[in-house]
Amino acid sequence: MPLRLAEHPEHDRPRERLWAVGPAALTGQELLAILLGTGCAGRDALLVAGELLALVDGSLRRLGGRPLAELARIPGVGRGKAARVAAALELGRRVDAEAEPPPERIRGPADVQRVYAGRLRDLAVEEFHVLALGSQSQILGDRLITRGILNSSLVHPREVFRAAIAEAAAGIIVVHNHPSGDPTPSVDDRAVTRQLVDAGRLLDLPVYDHVIVGGDRYVSFAEAGLL
């Protein structure tokens, strides 16, 4: 039967080690164990934290992109602790965002990547966003249109351009992620883009680009000559 954390020698307990040597000296597993606080029968918080990390091959960044329900199903986690872990990882993302604030204007797809990469690159499902831009390419707003598998039936021009019109946009850039990490456009990606570009011409509300985020890479339809 594994020891409970309280039964470990004091110098081996994550919380006591944090006070003794500081958070930077702790492993990701130890930091997660502190967040969890407790485990469950036969499994202390360190073991439960280890199982959370095993789910994502040890990557805290990928852990932040897993669905909450999936984390909650792990024995010893549950809804409350899953929410605690998700909140902590989101705080980490926001710290990064403060370190490199988003650009005020979009000058190219690299700026789009800066805006979205931290939010999209590690998600387990696809999200489709509309970035509404003003006449000087300033960012007016971001709208999540759909979450799930991307195809032309899910991303309807009505929803995309309704969001753009609500922001009084002069033009839009559409953005989505590939959870596989490969940003190469699919057949559905190309079909959705053609549909939106055609609708934008009718509405005199141009689609400037479609940027696909995959891991730390991106593909820009405008750069690739696919618009």
Protein backbone atom coordinates (compact mmCIF):
# COMPACT_ATOMS: atom_id res chain seq x y z
CA MET A 1 0.00 0.00 0.00
CA PRO A 2 1.60 3.34 -1.05
CA LEU A 3 2.30 5.85 1.68
CA ARG A 4 0.04 8.87 2.04
CA LEU A 5 1.91 12.16 1.57
CA ALA A 6 1.64 12.83 5.29
CA GLU A 7 3.47 9.54 5.90
CA HIS A 8 6.46 10.41 3.71
CA PRO A 9 9.53 11.82 5.48
CA GLU A 10 8.96 15.55 5.88
CA HIS A 11 11.87 16.47 3.62
CA ASP A 12 10.27 14.44 0.78
CA ARG A 13 6.82 16.02 0.95
CA PRO A 14 6.22 18.44 -1.96
CA ARG A 15 4.76 21.24 0.15
CA GLU A 16 7.59 21.11 2.68
CA ARG A 17 10.15 20.97 -0.13
CA LEU A 18 8.59 24.05 -1.72
CA TRP A 19 9.05 26.01 1.50
CA ALA A 20 12.59 24.70 1.93
CA VAL A 21 14.00 25.11 -1.59
CA GLY A 22 11.42 27.17 -3.51
CA PRO A 23 8.95 26.22 -6.28
CA ALA A 24 11.54 26.34 -9.09
CA ALA A 25 13.37 23.36 -7.54
CA LEU A 26 10.30 21.10 -7.61
CA THR A 27 9.37 18.76 -10.45
CA GLY A 28 6.16 19.23 -12.39
CA GLN A 29 4.79 16.15 -10.65
CA GLU A 30 5.50 17.64 -7.22
CA LEU A 31 3.88 20.95 -8.15
CA LEU A 32 0.79 19.14 -9.44
CA ALA A 33 0.66 17.09 -6.22
CA ILE A 34 0.54 20.33 -4.21
CA LEU A 35 -2.36 21.54 -6.36
CA LEU A 36 -4.23 18.26 -5.91
CA GLY A 37 -3.62 18.25 -2.17
CA THR A 38 -4.86 14.68 -1.69
CA GLY A 39 -5.14 11.48 -3.67
CA CYS A 40 -7.53 8.62 -3.09
CA ALA A 41 -7.51 5.18 -1.51
CA GLY A 42 -4.15 3.54 -2.17
CA ARG A 43 -2.90 6.44 -4.30
CA ASP A 44 -1.33 9.54 -2.83
CA ALA A 45 -1.31 12.92 -4.56
CA LEU A 46 2.13 12.25 -6.10
CA LEU A 47 0.88 9.08 -7.79
CA VAL A 48 -2.24 10.84 -9.07
CA ALA A 49 -0.11 13.73 -10.36
CA GLY A 50 2.12 11.21 -12.13
CA GLU A 51 -0.90 9.69 -13.86
CA LEU A 52 -2.03 13.14 -15.01
CA LEU A 53 1.37 13.75 -16.56
CA ALA A 54 1.48 10.28 -18.13
CA LEU A 55 -1.70 11.22 -20.00
CA VAL A 56 0.26 13.89 -21.91
CA ASP A 57 3.74 12.32 -22.03
CA GLY A 58 4.93 14.60 -19.23
CA SER A 59 4.00 17.89 -20.94
CA LEU A 60 2.39 20.48 -18.67
CA ARG A 61 1.59 22.56 -21.75
CA ARG A 62 -0.37 19.71 -23.36
CA LEU A 63 -2.07 19.02 -20.03
CA GLY A 64 -3.58 22.50 -20.25
CA GLY A 65 -5.21 21.57 -23.55
CA ARG A 66 -6.92 18.38 -22.35
CA PRO A 67 -10.69 18.48 -21.76
CA LEU A 68 -11.66 18.98 -18.11
CA ALA A 69 -13.91 15.94 -18.17
CA GLU A 70 -10.97 13.74 -19.19
CA LEU A 71 -8.89 14.95 -16.25
CA ALA A 72 -11.79 14.54 -13.84
CA ARG A 73 -12.16 10.86 -14.77
CA ILE A 74 -8.73 9.97 -13.40
CA PRO A 75 -9.15 8.30 -9.97
CA GLY A 76 -8.22 10.78 -7.27
CA VAL A 77 -8.91 13.87 -9.40
CA GLY A 78 -12.63 14.53 -9.87
CA ARG A 79 -14.27 17.78 -10.94
CA GLY A 80 -12.98 20.01 -8.14
CA LYS A 81 -9.30 19.09 -8.53
CA ALA A 82 -9.52 19.11 -12.33
CA ALA A 83 -10.83 22.69 -12.13
CA ARG A 84 -7.97 23.59 -9.77
CA VAL A 85 -5.35 22.22 -12.19
CA ALA A 86 -6.98 23.93 -15.18
CA ALA A 87 -7.08 27.25 -13.32
CA ALA A 88 -3.40 27.02 -12.41
CA LEU A 89 -2.37 26.24 -15.99
CA GLU A 90 -4.52 29.08 -17.31
CA LEU A 91 -2.81 31.47 -14.89
CA GLY A 92 0.52 30.33 -16.33
CA ARG A 93 -0.71 31.10 -19.85
CA ARG A 94 -1.83 34.56 -18.77
CA VAL A 95 1.55 35.26 -17.20
CA ASP A 96 3.13 34.43 -20.58
CA ALA A 97 0.63 36.70 -22.34
CA GLU A 98 1.59 39.59 -20.07
CA ALA A 99 5.25 38.99 -20.82
CA GLU A 100 4.56 39.36 -24.55
CA PRO A 101 1.38 41.39 -25.05
CA PRO A 102 -0.53 40.88 -28.29
CA PRO A 103 0.20 43.32 -31.13
CA GLU A 104 -2.09 46.32 -31.46
CA ARG A 105 -2.21 45.86 -35.23
CA ILE A 106 -1.99 42.79 -37.43
CA ARG A 107 0.77 43.26 -39.97
CA GLY A 108 1.00 39.65 -41.10
CA PRO A 109 0.37 36.02 -40.11
CA ALA A 110 3.21 36.02 -37.58
CA ASP A 111 1.19 38.55 -35.55
CA VAL A 112 -1.85 36.26 -35.78
CA GLN A 113 0.32 33.43 -34.47
CA ARG A 114 1.36 35.61 -31.53
CA VAL A 115 -2.29 36.28 -30.66
CA TYR A 116 -3.51 32.68 -30.87
CA ALA A 117 -0.65 30.21 -30.45
CA GLY A 118 -0.75 30.14 -26.66
CA ARG A 119 -4.48 29.42 -26.64
CA LEU A 120 -4.78 27.02 -29.56
CA ARG A 121 -1.58 25.02 -30.05
CA ASP A 122 -2.20 22.44 -27.31
CA LEU A 123 -5.96 22.01 -27.52
CA ALA A 124 -7.29 18.47 -27.99
CA VAL A 125 -10.11 19.71 -30.26
CA GLU A 126 -10.33 22.21 -33.10
CA GLU A 127 -11.54 25.75 -32.44
CA PHE A 128 -12.51 28.18 -35.16
CA HIS A 129 -12.11 31.90 -34.39
CA VAL A 130 -12.82 35.15 -36.19
CA LEU A 131 -10.39 38.03 -35.66
CA ALA A 132 -12.21 41.28 -36.49
CA LEU A 133 -9.97 44.09 -37.76
CA GLY A 134 -10.54 47.81 -38.19
CA SER A 135 -9.60 49.97 -41.16
CA GLN A 136 -6.02 50.33 -39.84
CA SER A 137 -5.71 46.57 -39.18
CA GLN A 138 -6.22 47.18 -35.47
CA ILE A 139 -7.76 44.33 -33.49
CA LEU A 140 -11.42 45.01 -32.70
CA GLY A 141 -12.35 41.66 -31.23
CA ASP A 142 -12.05 37.89 -31.25
CA ARG A 143 -15.03 35.54 -31.50
CA LEU A 144 -15.08 31.77 -31.04
CA ILE A 145 -17.41 30.42 -33.75
CA THR A 146 -17.27 26.67 -33.22
CA ARG A 147 -15.41 23.98 -31.32
CA GLY A 148 -15.03 20.47 -32.71
CA ILE A 149 -14.31 18.94 -36.11
CA LEU A 150 -14.00 21.63 -38.77
CA ASN A 151 -16.11 21.30 -41.89
CA SER A 152 -18.21 23.57 -44.07
CA SER A 153 -21.45 22.53 -42.38
CA LEU A 154 -20.20 23.58 -38.94
CA VAL A 155 -18.57 26.87 -39.96
CA HIS A 156 -21.45 28.72 -41.56
CA PRO A 157 -20.77 32.15 -43.13
CA ARG A 158 -23.82 33.52 -41.31
CA GLU A 159 -22.17 32.97 -37.91
CA VAL A 160 -18.76 34.18 -39.06
CA PHE A 161 -19.96 37.43 -40.60
CA ARG A 162 -22.54 38.09 -37.89
CA ALA A 163 -19.60 38.24 -35.47
CA ALA A 164 -17.65 40.53 -37.81
CA ILE A 165 -20.58 42.89 -38.33
CA ALA A 166 -21.18 43.04 -34.56
CA GLU A 167 -17.60 44.32 -34.18
CA ALA A 168 -18.04 46.83 -37.05
CA ALA A 169 -15.07 45.18 -38.76
CA ALA A 170 -13.51 46.41 -41.99
CA GLY A 171 -12.22 42.89 -42.65
CA ILE A 172 -11.56 39.61 -40.90
CA ILE A 173 -8.95 36.92 -40.44
CA VAL A 174 -10.19 33.44 -39.61
CA VAL A 175 -8.06 31.19 -37.42
CA HIS A 176 -8.24 27.60 -36.30
CA ASN A 177 -5.96 24.92 -34.89
CA HIS A 178 -4.96 21.40 -35.82
CA PRO A 179 -4.61 19.30 -32.64
CA SER A 180 -2.31 16.92 -34.59
CA GLY A 181 0.36 19.63 -34.61
CA ASP A 182 0.51 19.63 -38.42
CA PRO A 183 -0.91 22.91 -39.80
CA THR A 184 -1.15 21.66 -43.41
CA PRO A 185 -4.59 22.68 -44.78
CA SER A 186 -7.06 19.83 -45.29
CA VAL A 187 -9.64 19.53 -48.08
CA ASP A 188 -12.29 20.79 -45.62
CA ASP A 189 -10.06 23.73 -44.62
CA ARG A 190 -9.84 24.78 -48.25
CA ALA A 191 -13.59 24.35 -48.80
CA VAL A 192 -14.45 26.43 -45.72
CA THR A 193 -12.04 29.16 -46.82
CA ARG A 194 -13.49 29.36 -50.36
CA GLN A 195 -16.99 29.57 -48.92
CA LEU A 196 -16.05 32.39 -46.55
CA VAL A 197 -14.05 34.35 -49.13
CA ASP A 198 -16.99 34.22 -51.56
CA ALA A 199 -19.43 35.34 -48.85
CA GLY A 200 -17.08 38.15 -47.84
CA ARG A 201 -17.01 39.49 -51.40
CA LEU A 202 -20.81 39.59 -51.49
CA LEU A 203 -20.92 41.46 -48.17
CA ASP A 204 -17.98 43.75 -49.02
CA LEU A 205 -16.29 42.44 -45.86
CA PRO A 206 -13.06 40.82 -47.02
CA VAL A 207 -11.40 37.74 -45.56
CA TYR A 208 -7.76 38.84 -45.38
CA ASP A 209 -6.35 35.46 -44.35
CA HIS A 210 -7.02 32.04 -42.88
CA VAL A 211 -4.29 31.01 -40.44
CA ILE A 212 -4.01 27.43 -39.20
CA VAL A 213 -2.08 26.90 -35.97
CA GLY A 214 -0.44 23.50 -35.45
CA GLY A 215 1.88 23.13 -32.47
CA ASP A 216 4.49 25.88 -32.77
CA ARG A 217 3.97 26.24 -36.53
CA TYR A 218 1.33 27.88 -38.69
CA VAL A 219 0.17 28.04 -42.29
CA SER A 220 -1.20 31.25 -43.77
CA PHE A 221 -3.52 30.91 -46.77
CA ALA A 222 -2.55 34.42 -47.86
CA GLU A 223 1.18 33.68 -47.71
CA ALA A 224 0.68 30.38 -49.52
CA GLY A 225 -1.40 32.00 -52.29
CA LEU A 226 -4.46 29.92 -51.39
CA LEU A 227 -7.02 32.74 -50.96
